[in-house]
Amino acid sequence: MKKFFILIIILIPFSLTAAEKRTTFKNDIFEKAQLEGKTVVISSWIKYCTSCASQMKALENVEQDFDNLVYLNFDVTNKEISEQLKIQFQTTLVIYRNNKEIYRSLGVLSKDKIYTAIKSVINS
């Protein structure tokens, strides 16, 4: 019985993080933001990935914290989006500016590191 409770305690966070994730990437939003000269931040995730949930948590207020920025995310198992953006792995972060990819990282979870990368792109 003790093992059962331990298993339940372990699985609850995984199911909660999986339920919170939803794809916000839409090609028309991505293209419009670039045409308007906005910085576009994109992150990829996959169901049950706790590091993906951590990265998304770090990015949850990014649009409010930076002017002229759009944040989009997507499930990396969506092959159409993955191929379009050339993103093959979850927890990938890509930043676009002036219709070009300026920054790409894999596995960066710290809000400070992510915000430093965004600031370096915006200030370049």
PDB file of N, CA and C in Angstrom:
ATOM      1  N   MET A   1       0.816  -1.187   0.000  1.00  0.00           N
ATOM      2  CA  MET A   1       0.000   0.000   0.000  1.00  0.00           C
ATOM      3  C   MET A   1       0.863   1.257   0.000  1.00  0.00           C
ATOM      4  N   LYS A   2       1.961   1.216   0.734  1.00  0.00           N
ATOM      5  CA  LYS A   2       2.868   2.368   0.791  1.00  0.00           C
ATOM      6  C   LYS A   2       3.430   2.671  -0.594  1.00  0.00           C
ATOM      7  N   LYS A   3       3.783   1.628  -1.356  1.00  0.00           N
ATOM      8  CA  LYS A   3       4.311   1.811  -2.714  1.00  0.00           C
ATOM      9  C   LYS A   3       3.263   2.461  -3.614  1.00  0.00           C
ATOM     10  N   PHE A   4       2.012   2.111  -3.431  1.00  0.00           N
ATOM     11  CA  PHE A   4       0.935   2.684  -4.226  1.00  0.00           C
ATOM     12  C   PHE A   4       0.844   4.198  -3.996  1.00  0.00           C
ATOM     13  N   PHE A   5       0.877   4.619  -2.747  1.00  0.00           N
ATOM     14  CA  PHE A   5       0.811   6.047  -2.432  1.00  0.00           C
ATOM     15  C   PHE A   5       2.021   6.802  -2.971  1.00  0.00           C
ATOM     16  N   ILE A   6       3.178   6.206  -2.903  1.00  0.00           N
ATOM     17  CA  ILE A   6       4.386   6.831  -3.447  1.00  0.00           C
ATOM     18  C   ILE A   6       4.237   7.003  -4.955  1.00  0.00           C
ATOM     19  N   LEU A   7       3.731   5.986  -5.629  1.00  0.00           N
ATOM     20  CA  LEU A   7       3.517   6.061  -7.069  1.00  0.00           C
ATOM     21  C   LEU A   7       2.526   7.166  -7.418  1.00  0.00           C
ATOM     22  N   ILE A   8       1.450   7.280  -6.681  1.00  0.00           N
ATOM     23  CA  ILE A   8       0.452   8.334  -6.909  1.00  0.00           C
ATOM     24  C   ILE A   8       1.087   9.709  -6.717  1.00  0.00           C
ATOM     25  N   ILE A   9       1.872   9.876  -5.677  1.00  0.00           N
ATOM     26  CA  ILE A   9       2.525  11.157  -5.406  1.00  0.00           C
ATOM     27  C   ILE A   9       3.488  11.519  -6.531  1.00  0.00           C
ATOM     28  N   ILE A  10       4.152  10.554  -7.092  1.00  0.00           N
ATOM     29  CA  ILE A  10       5.089  10.802  -8.191  1.00  0.00           C
ATOM     30  C   ILE A  10       4.346  11.139  -9.478  1.00  0.00           C
ATOM     31  N   LEU A  11       3.262  10.469  -9.766  1.00  0.00           N
ATOM     32  CA  LEU A  11       2.554  10.650 -11.033  1.00  0.00           C
ATOM     33  C   LEU A  11       1.698  11.909 -11.093  1.00  0.00           C
ATOM     34  N   ILE A  12       1.229  12.412  -9.985  1.00  0.00           N
ATOM     35  CA  ILE A  12       0.365  13.592  -9.994  1.00  0.00           C
ATOM     36  C   ILE A  12       1.053  14.794 -10.631  1.00  0.00           C
ATOM     37  N   PRO A  13       2.302  15.133 -10.277  1.00  0.00           N
ATOM     38  CA  PRO A  13       2.928  16.280 -10.951  1.00  0.00           C
ATOM     39  C   PRO A  13       3.068  16.095 -12.459  1.00  0.00           C
ATOM     40  N   PHE A  14       3.353  14.859 -12.905  1.00  0.00           N
ATOM     41  CA  PHE A  14       3.477  14.626 -14.344  1.00  0.00           C
ATOM     42  C   PHE A  14       2.165  14.882 -15.050  1.00  0.00           C
ATOM     43  N   SER A  15       1.074  14.432 -14.494  1.00  0.00           N
ATOM     44  CA  SER A  15      -0.214  14.640 -15.154  1.00  0.00           C
ATOM     45  C   SER A  15      -0.626  16.101 -15.109  1.00  0.00           C
ATOM     46  N   LEU A  16      -0.281  16.821 -14.045  1.00  0.00           N
ATOM     47  CA  LEU A  16      -0.610  18.238 -13.969  1.00  0.00           C
ATOM     48  C   LEU A  16       0.158  19.048 -14.995  1.00  0.00           C
ATOM     49  N   THR A  17       1.454  18.790 -15.156  1.00  0.00           N
ATOM     50  CA  THR A  17       2.233  19.547 -16.129  1.00  0.00           C
ATOM     51  C   THR A  17       1.781  19.224 -17.543  1.00  0.00           C
ATOM     52  N   ALA A  18       1.401  18.008 -17.797  1.00  0.00           N
ATOM     53  CA  ALA A  18       0.937  17.636 -19.137  1.00  0.00           C
ATOM     54  C   ALA A  18      -0.376  18.342 -19.465  1.00  0.00           C
ATOM     55  N   ALA A  19      -1.254  18.479 -18.474  1.00  0.00           N
ATOM     56  CA  ALA A  19      -2.554  19.087 -18.718  1.00  0.00           C
ATOM     57  C   ALA A  19      -2.448  20.584 -18.987  1.00  0.00           C
ATOM     58  N   GLU A  20      -1.434  21.247 -18.443  1.00  0.00           N
ATOM     59  CA  GLU A  20      -1.296  22.685 -18.586  1.00  0.00           C
ATOM     60  C   GLU A  20      -0.781  23.095 -19.961  1.00  0.00           C
ATOM     61  N   LYS A  21      -0.148  22.229 -20.665  1.00  0.00           N
ATOM     62  CA  LYS A  21       0.484  22.576 -21.931  1.00  0.00           C
ATOM     63  C   LYS A  21      -0.534  22.555 -23.069  1.00  0.00           C
ATOM     64  N   ARG A  22      -0.452  23.601 -23.898  1.00  0.00           N
ATOM     65  CA  ARG A  22      -1.262  23.624 -25.108  1.00  0.00           C
ATOM     66  C   ARG A  22      -0.505  24.443 -26.157  1.00  0.00           C
ATOM     67  N   THR A  23      -0.615  24.037 -27.384  1.00  0.00           N
ATOM     68  CA  THR A  23       0.069  24.725 -28.476  1.00  0.00           C
ATOM     69  C   THR A  23      -0.568  26.080 -28.729  1.00  0.00           C
ATOM     70  N   THR A  24       0.276  27.122 -28.733  1.00  0.00           N
ATOM     71  CA  THR A  24      -0.195  28.471 -29.047  1.00  0.00           C
ATOM     72  C   THR A  24       0.351  28.943 -30.396  1.00  0.00           C
ATOM     73  N   PHE A  25       1.280  28.166 -30.989  1.00  0.00           N
ATOM     74  CA  PHE A  25       1.863  28.547 -32.275  1.00  0.00           C
ATOM     75  C   PHE A  25       0.812  28.452 -33.367  1.00  0.00           C
ATOM     76  N   LYS A  26       0.671  29.537 -34.092  1.00  0.00           N
ATOM     77  CA  LYS A  26      -0.155  29.573 -35.304  1.00  0.00           C
ATOM     78  C   LYS A  26       0.670  30.337 -36.328  1.00  0.00           C
ATOM     79  N   ASN A  27       0.753  29.811 -37.501  1.00  0.00           N
ATOM     80  CA  ASN A  27       1.612  30.401 -38.533  1.00  0.00           C
ATOM     81  C   ASN A  27       1.228  31.845 -38.851  1.00  0.00           C
ATOM     82  N   ASP A  28      -0.079  32.145 -38.882  1.00  0.00           N
ATOM     83  CA  ASP A  28      -0.483  33.512 -39.184  1.00  0.00           C
ATOM     84  C   ASP A  28      -0.036  34.493 -38.095  1.00  0.00           C
ATOM     85  N   ILE A  29      -0.070  34.085 -36.839  1.00  0.00           N
ATOM     86  CA  ILE A  29       0.402  34.940 -35.744  1.00  0.00           C
ATOM     87  C   ILE A  29       1.911  35.139 -35.852  1.00  0.00           C
ATOM     88  N   PHE A  30       2.634  34.046 -36.144  1.00  0.00           N
ATOM     89  CA  PHE A  30       4.091  34.082 -36.295  1.00  0.00           C
ATOM     90  C   PHE A  30       4.497  35.042 -37.417  1.00  0.00           C
ATOM     91  N   GLU A  31       3.867  34.900 -38.567  1.00  0.00           N
ATOM     92  CA  GLU A  31       4.196  35.755 -39.717  1.00  0.00           C
ATOM     93  C   GLU A  31       3.810  37.212 -39.477  1.00  0.00           C
ATOM     94  N   LYS A  32       2.638  37.448 -38.892  1.00  0.00           N
ATOM     95  CA  LYS A  32       2.192  38.820 -38.624  1.00  0.00           C
ATOM     96  C   LYS A  32       3.135  39.513 -37.639  1.00  0.00           C
ATOM     97  N   ALA A  33       3.541  38.810 -36.605  1.00  0.00           N
ATOM     98  CA  ALA A  33       4.458  39.392 -35.614  1.00  0.00           C
ATOM     99  C   ALA A  33       5.774  39.792 -36.263  1.00  0.00           C
ATOM    100  N   GLN A  34       6.276  38.944 -37.161  1.00  0.00           N
ATOM    101  CA  GLN A  34       7.537  39.263 -37.837  1.00  0.00           C
ATOM    102  C   GLN A  34       7.367  40.459 -38.783  1.00  0.00           C
ATOM    103  N   LEU A  35       6.241  40.506 -39.495  1.00  0.00           N
ATOM    104  CA  LEU A  35       5.982  41.648 -40.383  1.00  0.00           C
ATOM    105  C   LEU A  35       5.892  42.960 -39.606  1.00  0.00           C
ATOM    106  N   GLU A  36       5.389  42.880 -38.381  1.00  0.00           N
ATOM    107  CA  GLU A  36       5.252  44.066 -37.534  1.00  0.00           C
ATOM    108  C   GLU A  36       6.553  44.415 -36.808  1.00  0.00           C
ATOM    109  N   GLY A  37       7.618  43.640 -37.052  1.00  0.00           N
ATOM    110  CA  GLY A  37       8.913  43.932 -36.443  1.00  0.00           C
ATOM    111  C   GLY A  37       9.047  43.497 -34.994  1.00  0.00           C
ATOM    112  N   LYS A  38       8.187  42.606 -34.566  1.00  0.00           N
ATOM    113  CA  LYS A  38       8.242  42.140 -33.182  1.00  0.00           C
ATOM    114  C   LYS A  38       9.298  41.045 -33.023  1.00  0.00           C
ATOM    115  N   THR A  39       9.813  40.924 -31.815  1.00  0.00           N
ATOM    116  CA  THR A  39      10.663  39.797 -31.455  1.00  0.00           C
ATOM    117  C   THR A  39       9.729  38.634 -31.174  1.00  0.00           C
ATOM    118  N   VAL A  40      10.049  37.460 -31.704  1.00  0.00           N
ATOM    119  CA  VAL A  40       9.210  36.276 -31.514  1.00  0.00           C
ATOM    120  C   VAL A  40      10.019  35.222 -30.778  1.00  0.00           C
ATOM    121  N   VAL A  41       9.490  34.772 -29.647  1.00  0.00           N
ATOM    122  CA  VAL A  41      10.118  33.726 -28.843  1.00  0.00           C
ATOM    123  C   VAL A  41       9.261  32.479 -28.992  1.00  0.00           C
ATOM    124  N   ILE A  42       9.904  31.365 -29.342  1.00  0.00           N
ATOM    125  CA  ILE A  42       9.185  30.104 -29.522  1.00  0.00           C
ATOM    126  C   ILE A  42       9.844  29.038 -28.668  1.00  0.00           C
ATOM    127  N   SER A  43       9.027  28.289 -27.947  1.00  0.00           N
ATOM    128  CA  SER A  43       9.536  27.148 -27.185  1.00  0.00           C
ATOM    129  C   SER A  43       8.780  25.888 -27.604  1.00  0.00           C
ATOM    130  N   SER A  44       9.469  24.772 -27.503  1.00  0.00           N
ATOM    131  CA  SER A  44       8.853  23.487 -27.854  1.00  0.00           C
ATOM    132  C   SER A  44       8.747  22.624 -26.605  1.00  0.00           C
ATOM    133  N   TRP A  45       7.757  21.766 -26.593  1.00  0.00           N
ATOM    134  CA  TRP A  45       7.522  20.898 -25.453  1.00  0.00           C
ATOM    135  C   TRP A  45       6.972  19.566 -25.938  1.00  0.00           C
ATOM    136  N   ILE A  46       6.911  18.637 -25.025  1.00  0.00           N
ATOM    137  CA  ILE A  46       6.300  17.345 -25.287  1.00  0.00           C
ATOM    138  C   ILE A  46       5.573  16.911 -24.006  1.00  0.00           C
ATOM    139  N   LYS A  47       4.523  16.186 -24.168  1.00  0.00           N
ATOM    140  CA  LYS A  47       3.712  15.730 -23.042  1.00  0.00           C
ATOM    141  C   LYS A  47       4.591  15.023 -22.011  1.00  0.00           C
ATOM    142  N   TYR A  48       4.334  15.276 -20.742  1.00  0.00           N
ATOM    143  CA  TYR A  48       5.018  14.659 -19.598  1.00  0.00           C
ATOM    144  C   TYR A  48       6.464  15.100 -19.412  1.00  0.00           C
ATOM    145  N   CYS A  49       6.906  16.129 -20.097  1.00  0.00           N
ATOM    146  CA  CYS A  49       8.279  16.629 -19.962  1.00  0.00           C
ATOM    147  C   CYS A  49       8.302  17.698 -18.870  1.00  0.00           C
ATOM    148  N   THR A  50       8.920  17.403 -17.748  1.00  0.00           N
ATOM    149  CA  THR A  50       8.952  18.360 -16.648  1.00  0.00           C
ATOM    150  C   THR A  50       9.888  19.532 -16.940  1.00  0.00           C
ATOM    151  N   SER A  51      10.964  19.304 -17.689  1.00  0.00           N
ATOM    152  CA  SER A  51      11.849  20.429 -18.026  1.00  0.00           C
ATOM    153  C   SER A  51      11.132  21.389 -18.987  1.00  0.00           C
ATOM    154  N   CYS A  52      10.300  20.857 -19.849  1.00  0.00           N
ATOM    155  CA  CYS A  52       9.505  21.706 -20.746  1.00  0.00           C
ATOM    156  C   CYS A  52       8.554  22.584 -19.930  1.00  0.00           C
ATOM    157  N   ALA A  53       7.933  21.984 -18.929  1.00  0.00           N
ATOM    158  CA  ALA A  53       7.021  22.735 -18.065  1.00  0.00           C
ATOM    159  C   ALA A  53       7.780  23.832 -17.318  1.00  0.00           C
ATOM    160  N   SER A  54       8.989  23.545 -16.895  1.00  0.00           N
ATOM    161  CA  SER A  54       9.808  24.550 -16.206  1.00  0.00           C
ATOM    162  C   SER A  54      10.140  25.708 -17.137  1.00  0.00           C
ATOM    163  N   GLN A  55      10.488  25.393 -18.382  1.00  0.00           N
ATOM    164  CA  GLN A  55      10.809  26.440 -19.346  1.00  0.00           C
ATOM    165  C   GLN A  55       9.573  27.293 -19.628  1.00  0.00           C
ATOM    166  N   MET A  56       8.439  26.651 -19.798  1.00  0.00           N
ATOM    167  CA  MET A  56       7.200  27.387 -20.064  1.00  0.00           C
ATOM    168  C   MET A  56       6.817  28.263 -18.867  1.00  0.00           C
ATOM    169  N   LYS A  57       7.064  27.772 -17.669  1.00  0.00           N
ATOM    170  CA  LYS A  57       6.798  28.555 -16.454  1.00  0.00           C
ATOM    171  C   LYS A  57       7.671  29.811 -16.444  1.00  0.00           C
ATOM    172  N   ALA A  58       8.940  29.657 -16.831  1.00  0.00           N
ATOM    173  CA  ALA A  58       9.856  30.797 -16.878  1.00  0.00           C
ATOM    174  C   ALA A  58       9.403  31.829 -17.912  1.00  0.00           C
ATOM    175  N   LEU A  59       8.690  31.379 -18.924  1.00  0.00           N
ATOM    176  CA  LEU A  59       8.262  32.265 -20.015  1.00  0.00           C
ATOM    177  C   LEU A  59       6.832  32.791 -19.872  1.00  0.00           C
ATOM    178  N   GLU A  60       6.136  32.406 -18.825  1.00  0.00           N
ATOM    179  CA  GLU A  60       4.710  32.724 -18.737  1.00  0.00           C
ATOM    180  C   GLU A  60       4.388  34.215 -18.743  1.00  0.00           C
ATOM    181  N   ASN A  61       5.288  35.069 -18.292  1.00  0.00           N
ATOM    182  CA  ASN A  61       5.024  36.519 -18.272  1.00  0.00           C
ATOM    183  C   ASN A  61       5.887  37.290 -19.258  1.00  0.00           C
ATOM    184  N   VAL A  62       6.533  36.593 -20.162  1.00  0.00           N
ATOM    185  CA  VAL A  62       7.501  37.248 -21.042  1.00  0.00           C
ATOM    186  C   VAL A  62       6.867  38.340 -21.905  1.00  0.00           C
ATOM    187  N   GLU A  63       5.647  38.146 -22.357  1.00  0.00           N
ATOM    188  CA  GLU A  63       4.996  39.170 -23.187  1.00  0.00           C
ATOM    189  C   GLU A  63       4.689  40.439 -22.386  1.00  0.00           C
ATOM    190  N   GLN A  64       4.450  40.302 -21.090  1.00  0.00           N
ATOM    191  CA  GLN A  64       4.206  41.470 -20.258  1.00  0.00           C
ATOM    192  C   GLN A  64       5.524  42.140 -19.852  1.00  0.00           C
ATOM    193  N   ASP A  65       6.595  41.357 -19.757  1.00  0.00           N
ATOM    194  CA  ASP A  65       7.879  41.875 -19.292  1.00  0.00           C
ATOM    195  C   ASP A  65       8.696  42.552 -20.384  1.00  0.00           C
ATOM    196  N   PHE A  66       8.346  42.305 -21.652  1.00  0.00           N
ATOM    197  CA  PHE A  66       9.070  42.909 -22.771  1.00  0.00           C
ATOM    198  C   PHE A  66       8.073  43.536 -23.738  1.00  0.00           C
ATOM    199  N   ASP A  67       8.420  44.724 -24.218  1.00  0.00           N
ATOM    200  CA  ASP A  67       7.594  45.382 -25.227  1.00  0.00           C
ATOM    201  C   ASP A  67       7.858  44.762 -26.589  1.00  0.00           C
ATOM    202  N   ASN A  68       6.841  44.769 -27.428  1.00  0.00           N
ATOM    203  CA  ASN A  68       7.007  44.374 -28.827  1.00  0.00           C
ATOM    204  C   ASN A  68       7.512  42.941 -28.981  1.00  0.00           C
ATOM    205  N   LEU A  69       6.973  42.033 -28.166  1.00  0.00           N
ATOM    206  CA  LEU A  69       7.406  40.629 -28.179  1.00  0.00           C
ATOM    207  C   LEU A  69       6.188  39.716 -28.192  1.00  0.00           C
ATOM    208  N   VAL A  70       6.295  38.624 -28.944  1.00  0.00           N
ATOM    209  CA  VAL A  70       5.248  37.608 -28.996  1.00  0.00           C
ATOM    210  C   VAL A  70       5.874  36.289 -28.571  1.00  0.00           C
ATOM    211  N   TYR A  71       5.192  35.572 -27.664  1.00  0.00           N
ATOM    212  CA  TYR A  71       5.652  34.253 -27.216  1.00  0.00           C
ATOM    213  C   TYR A  71       4.695  33.187 -27.724  1.00  0.00           C
ATOM    214  N   LEU A  72       5.246  32.189 -28.409  1.00  0.00           N
ATOM    215  CA  LEU A  72       4.469  31.067 -28.928  1.00  0.00           C
ATOM    216  C   LEU A  72       5.145  29.769 -28.511  1.00  0.00           C
ATOM    217  N   ASN A  73       4.361  28.713 -28.384  1.00  0.00           N
ATOM    218  CA  ASN A  73       4.940  27.405 -28.065  1.00  0.00           C
ATOM    219  C   ASN A  73       4.181  26.322 -28.811  1.00  0.00           C
ATOM    220  N   PHE A  74       4.791  25.151 -28.884  1.00  0.00           N
ATOM    221  CA  PHE A  74       4.127  24.052 -29.593  1.00  0.00           C
ATOM    222  C   PHE A  74       4.645  22.701 -29.120  1.00  0.00           C
ATOM    223  N   ASP A  75       3.813  21.697 -29.328  1.00  0.00           N
ATOM    224  CA  ASP A  75       4.163  20.307 -29.044  1.00  0.00           C
ATOM    225  C   ASP A  75       5.065  19.821 -30.169  1.00  0.00           C
ATOM    226  N   VAL A  76       6.281  19.426 -29.818  1.00  0.00           N
ATOM    227  CA  VAL A  76       7.282  19.057 -30.817  1.00  0.00           C
ATOM    228  C   VAL A  76       6.876  17.820 -31.632  1.00  0.00           C
ATOM    229  N   THR A  77       5.874  17.097 -31.188  1.00  0.00           N
ATOM    230  CA  THR A  77       5.400  15.960 -31.984  1.00  0.00           C
ATOM    231  C   THR A  77       4.540  16.415 -33.167  1.00  0.00           C
ATOM    232  N   ASN A  78       4.217  17.708 -33.225  1.00  0.00           N
ATOM    233  CA  ASN A  78       3.510  18.258 -34.382  1.00  0.00           C
ATOM    234  C   ASN A  78       4.543  18.424 -35.502  1.00  0.00           C
ATOM    235  N   LYS A  79       4.586  17.466 -36.394  1.00  0.00           N
ATOM    236  CA  LYS A  79       5.625  17.410 -37.431  1.00  0.00           C
ATOM    237  C   LYS A  79       5.598  18.616 -38.375  1.00  0.00           C
ATOM    238  N   GLU A  80       4.421  19.121 -38.667  1.00  0.00           N
ATOM    239  CA  GLU A  80       4.325  20.266 -39.583  1.00  0.00           C
ATOM    240  C   GLU A  80       5.060  21.488 -39.007  1.00  0.00           C
ATOM    241  N   ILE A  81       4.773  21.792 -37.739  1.00  0.00           N
ATOM    242  CA  ILE A  81       5.436  22.937 -37.105  1.00  0.00           C
ATOM    243  C   ILE A  81       6.916  22.639 -36.886  1.00  0.00           C
ATOM    244  N   SER A  82       7.231  21.446 -36.429  1.00  0.00           N
ATOM    245  CA  SER A  82       8.632  21.066 -36.191  1.00  0.00           C
ATOM    246  C   SER A  82       9.480  21.215 -37.445  1.00  0.00           C
ATOM    247  N   GLU A  83       8.963  20.771 -38.560  1.00  0.00           N
ATOM    248  CA  GLU A  83       9.711  20.882 -39.820  1.00  0.00           C
ATOM    249  C   GLU A  83       9.819  22.328 -40.277  1.00  0.00           C
ATOM    250  N   GLN A  84       8.745  23.095 -40.143  1.00  0.00           N
ATOM    251  CA  GLN A  84       8.761  24.503 -40.548  1.00  0.00           C
ATOM    252  C   GLN A  84       9.832  25.273 -39.774  1.00  0.00           C
ATOM    253  N   LEU A  85       9.914  25.042 -38.464  1.00  0.00           N
ATOM    254  CA  LEU A  85      10.837  25.787 -37.608  1.00  0.00           C
ATOM    255  C   LEU A  85      12.184  25.084 -37.431  1.00  0.00           C
ATOM    256  N   LYS A  86      12.300  23.883 -38.002  1.00  0.00           N
ATOM    257  CA  LYS A  86      13.517  23.081 -37.871  1.00  0.00           C
ATOM    258  C   LYS A  86      13.874  22.845 -36.395  1.00  0.00           C
ATOM    259  N   ILE A  87      12.850  22.491 -35.632  1.00  0.00           N
ATOM    260  CA  ILE A  87      13.002  22.171 -34.213  1.00  0.00           C
ATOM    261  C   ILE A  87      12.680  20.691 -34.045  1.00  0.00           C
ATOM    262  N   GLN A  88      13.661  19.931 -33.590  1.00  0.00           N
ATOM    263  CA  GLN A  88      13.490  18.488 -33.467  1.00  0.00           C
ATOM    264  C   GLN A  88      13.331  18.004 -32.033  1.00  0.00           C
ATOM    265  N   PHE A  89      13.681  18.842 -31.061  1.00  0.00           N
ATOM    266  CA  PHE A  89      13.708  18.388 -29.675  1.00  0.00           C
ATOM    267  C   PHE A  89      12.847  19.271 -28.786  1.00  0.00           C
ATOM    268  N   GLN A  90      12.312  18.666 -27.723  1.00  0.00           N
ATOM    269  CA  GLN A  90      11.582  19.446 -26.737  1.00  0.00           C
ATOM    270  C   GLN A  90      12.560  20.318 -25.947  1.00  0.00           C
ATOM    271  N   THR A  91      12.019  21.304 -25.292  1.00  0.00           N
ATOM    272  CA  THR A  91      12.771  22.286 -24.496  1.00  0.00           C
ATOM    273  C   THR A  91      13.757  23.058 -25.368  1.00  0.00           C
ATOM    274  N   THR A  92      13.392  23.265 -26.625  1.00  0.00           N
ATOM    275  CA  THR A  92      14.180  24.122 -27.512  1.00  0.00           C
ATOM    276  C   THR A  92      13.568  25.516 -27.460  1.00  0.00           C
ATOM    277  N   LEU A  93      14.437  26.510 -27.387  1.00  0.00           N
ATOM    278  CA  LEU A  93      14.015  27.899 -27.357  1.00  0.00           C
ATOM    279  C   LEU A  93      14.636  28.602 -28.556  1.00  0.00           C
ATOM    280  N   VAL A  94      13.797  29.261 -29.362  1.00  0.00           N
ATOM    281  CA  VAL A  94      14.281  29.966 -30.546  1.00  0.00           C
ATOM    282  C   VAL A  94      13.727  31.388 -30.496  1.00  0.00           C
ATOM    283  N   ILE A  95      14.599  32.355 -30.817  1.00  0.00           N
ATOM    284  CA  ILE A  95      14.185  33.759 -30.842  1.00  0.00           C
ATOM    285  C   ILE A  95      14.427  34.303 -32.249  1.00  0.00           C
ATOM    286  N   TYR A  96      13.378  34.914 -32.800  1.00  0.00           N
ATOM    287  CA  TYR A  96      13.432  35.518 -34.132  1.00  0.00           C
ATOM    288  C   TYR A  96      13.343  37.031 -33.993  1.00  0.00           C
ATOM    289  N   ARG A  97      14.081  37.709 -34.856  1.00  0.00           N
ATOM    290  CA  ARG A  97      13.987  39.165 -34.938  1.00  0.00           C
ATOM    291  C   ARG A  97      14.293  39.574 -36.368  1.00  0.00           C
ATOM    292  N   ASN A  98      13.525  40.501 -36.899  1.00  0.00           N
ATOM    293  CA  ASN A  98      13.690  40.966 -38.279  1.00  0.00           C
ATOM    294  C   ASN A  98      13.666  39.804 -39.279  1.00  0.00           C
ATOM    295  N   ASN A  99      12.723  38.906 -39.068  1.00  0.00           N
ATOM    296  CA  ASN A  99      12.507  37.747 -39.946  1.00  0.00           C
ATOM    297  C   ASN A  99      13.684  36.781 -39.994  1.00  0.00           C
ATOM    298  N   LYS A 100      14.537  36.791 -38.973  1.00  0.00           N
ATOM    299  CA  LYS A 100      15.674  35.875 -38.920  1.00  0.00           C
ATOM    300  C   LYS A 100      15.754  35.208 -37.564  1.00  0.00           C
ATOM    301  N   GLU A 101      16.199  33.962 -37.569  1.00  0.00           N
ATOM    302  CA  GLU A 101      16.494  33.299 -36.311  1.00  0.00           C
ATOM    303  C   GLU A 101      17.788  33.893 -35.767  1.00  0.00           C
ATOM    304  N   ILE A 102      17.734  34.409 -34.541  1.00  0.00           N
ATOM    305  CA  ILE A 102      18.886  35.071 -33.937  1.00  0.00           C
ATOM    306  C   ILE A 102      19.485  34.227 -32.821  1.00  0.00           C
ATOM    307  N   TYR A 103      18.662  33.435 -32.152  1.00  0.00           N
ATOM    308  CA  TYR A 103      19.114  32.681 -30.978  1.00  0.00           C
ATOM    309  C   TYR A 103      18.426  31.329 -30.944  1.00  0.00           C
ATOM    310  N   ARG A 104      19.165  30.299 -30.530  1.00  0.00           N
ATOM    311  CA  ARG A 104      18.605  28.962 -30.358  1.00  0.00           C
ATOM    312  C   ARG A 104      19.331  28.291 -29.211  1.00  0.00           C
ATOM    313  N   SER A 105      18.565  27.658 -28.333  1.00  0.00           N
ATOM    314  CA  SER A 105      19.166  26.896 -27.239  1.00  0.00           C
ATOM    315  C   SER A 105      18.329  25.654 -26.971  1.00  0.00           C
ATOM    316  N   LEU A 106      18.938  24.719 -26.310  1.00  0.00           N
ATOM    317  CA  LEU A 106      18.267  23.477 -25.945  1.00  0.00           C
ATOM    318  C   LEU A 106      18.430  23.268 -24.449  1.00  0.00           C
ATOM    319  N   GLY A 107      17.326  23.203 -23.749  1.00  0.00           N
ATOM    320  CA  GLY A 107      17.356  22.871 -22.327  1.00  0.00           C
ATOM    321  C   GLY A 107      17.587  24.022 -21.374  1.00  0.00           C
ATOM    322  N   VAL A 108      17.526  25.268 -21.825  1.00  0.00           N
ATOM    323  CA  VAL A 108      17.686  26.398 -20.912  1.00  0.00           C
ATOM    324  C   VAL A 108      16.373  26.574 -20.140  1.00  0.00           C
ATOM    325  N   LEU A 109      16.451  26.490 -18.803  1.00  0.00           N
ATOM    326  CA  LEU A 109      15.248  26.528 -17.985  1.00  0.00           C
ATOM    327  C   LEU A 109      15.173  27.750 -17.078  1.00  0.00           C
ATOM    328  N   SER A 110      16.285  28.355 -16.786  1.00  0.00           N
ATOM    329  CA  SER A 110      16.349  29.475 -15.857  1.00  0.00           C
ATOM    330  C   SER A 110      15.739  30.728 -16.483  1.00  0.00           C
ATOM    331  N   LYS A 111      14.846  31.357 -15.753  1.00  0.00           N
ATOM    332  CA  LYS A 111      14.224  32.591 -16.229  1.00  0.00           C
ATOM    333  C   LYS A 111      15.296  33.651 -16.479  1.00  0.00           C
ATOM    334  N   ASP A 112      16.284  33.741 -15.598  1.00  0.00           N
ATOM    335  CA  ASP A 112      17.355  34.727 -15.768  1.00  0.00           C
ATOM    336  C   ASP A 112      18.115  34.508 -17.071  1.00  0.00           C
ATOM    337  N   LYS A 113      18.452  33.262 -17.383  1.00  0.00           N
ATOM    338  CA  LYS A 113      19.196  32.974 -18.617  1.00  0.00           C
ATOM    339  C   LYS A 113      18.344  33.236 -19.854  1.00  0.00           C
ATOM    340  N   ILE A 114      17.084  32.876 -19.775  1.00  0.00           N
ATOM    341  CA  ILE A 114      16.186  33.110 -20.905  1.00  0.00           C
ATOM    342  C   ILE A 114      16.014  34.613 -21.136  1.00  0.00           C
ATOM    343  N   TYR A 115      15.780  35.362 -20.073  1.00  0.00           N
ATOM    344  CA  TYR A 115      15.599  36.804 -20.196  1.00  0.00           C
ATOM    345  C   TYR A 115      16.879  37.491 -20.673  1.00  0.00           C
ATOM    346  N   THR A 116      18.033  36.993 -20.242  1.00  0.00           N
ATOM    347  CA  THR A 116      19.309  37.540 -20.724  1.00  0.00           C
ATOM    348  C   THR A 116      19.437  37.334 -22.228  1.00  0.00           C
ATOM    349  N   ALA A 117      19.047  36.157 -22.713  1.00  0.00           N
ATOM    350  CA  ALA A 117      19.095  35.880 -24.153  1.00  0.00           C
ATOM    351  C   ALA A 117      18.145  36.809 -24.909  1.00  0.00           C
ATOM    352  N   ILE A 118      16.942  36.997 -24.393  1.00  0.00           N
ATOM    353  CA  ILE A 118      15.968  37.879 -25.051  1.00  0.00           C
ATOM    354  C   ILE A 118      16.507  39.302 -25.096  1.00  0.00           C
ATOM    355  N   LYS A 119      17.042  39.779 -23.976  1.00  0.00           N
ATOM    356  CA  LYS A 119      17.594  41.143 -23.929  1.00  0.00           C
ATOM    357  C   LYS A 119      18.738  41.305 -24.933  1.00  0.00           C
ATOM    358  N   SER A 120      19.584  40.276 -25.081  1.00  0.00           N
ATOM    359  CA  SER A 120      20.706  40.386 -26.019  1.00  0.00           C
ATOM    360  C   SER A 120      20.203  40.475 -27.456  1.00  0.00           C
ATOM    361  N   VAL A 121      19.125  39.784 -27.771  1.00  0.00           N
ATOM    362  CA  VAL A 121      18.537  39.857 -29.123  1.00  0.00           C
ATOM    363  C   VAL A 121      17.886  41.213 -29.332  1.00  0.00           C
ATOM    364  N   ILE A 122      17.131  41.679 -28.364  1.00  0.00           N
ATOM    365  CA  ILE A 122      16.439  42.953 -28.497  1.00  0.00           C
ATOM    366  C   ILE A 122      17.434  44.113 -28.605  1.00  0.00           C
ATOM    367  N   ASN A 123      18.506  44.036 -27.865  1.00  0.00           N
ATOM    368  CA  ASN A 123      19.499  45.124 -27.845  1.00  0.00           C
ATOM    369  C   ASN A 123      20.566  45.016 -28.923  1.00  0.00           C
ATOM    370  N   SER A 124      20.458  44.018 -29.793  1.00  0.00           N
ATOM    371  CA  SER A 124      21.488  43.858 -30.835  1.00  0.00           C
ATOM    372  C   SER A 124      21.197  44.718 -32.053  1.00  0.00           C
TER     373      SER A 124
END
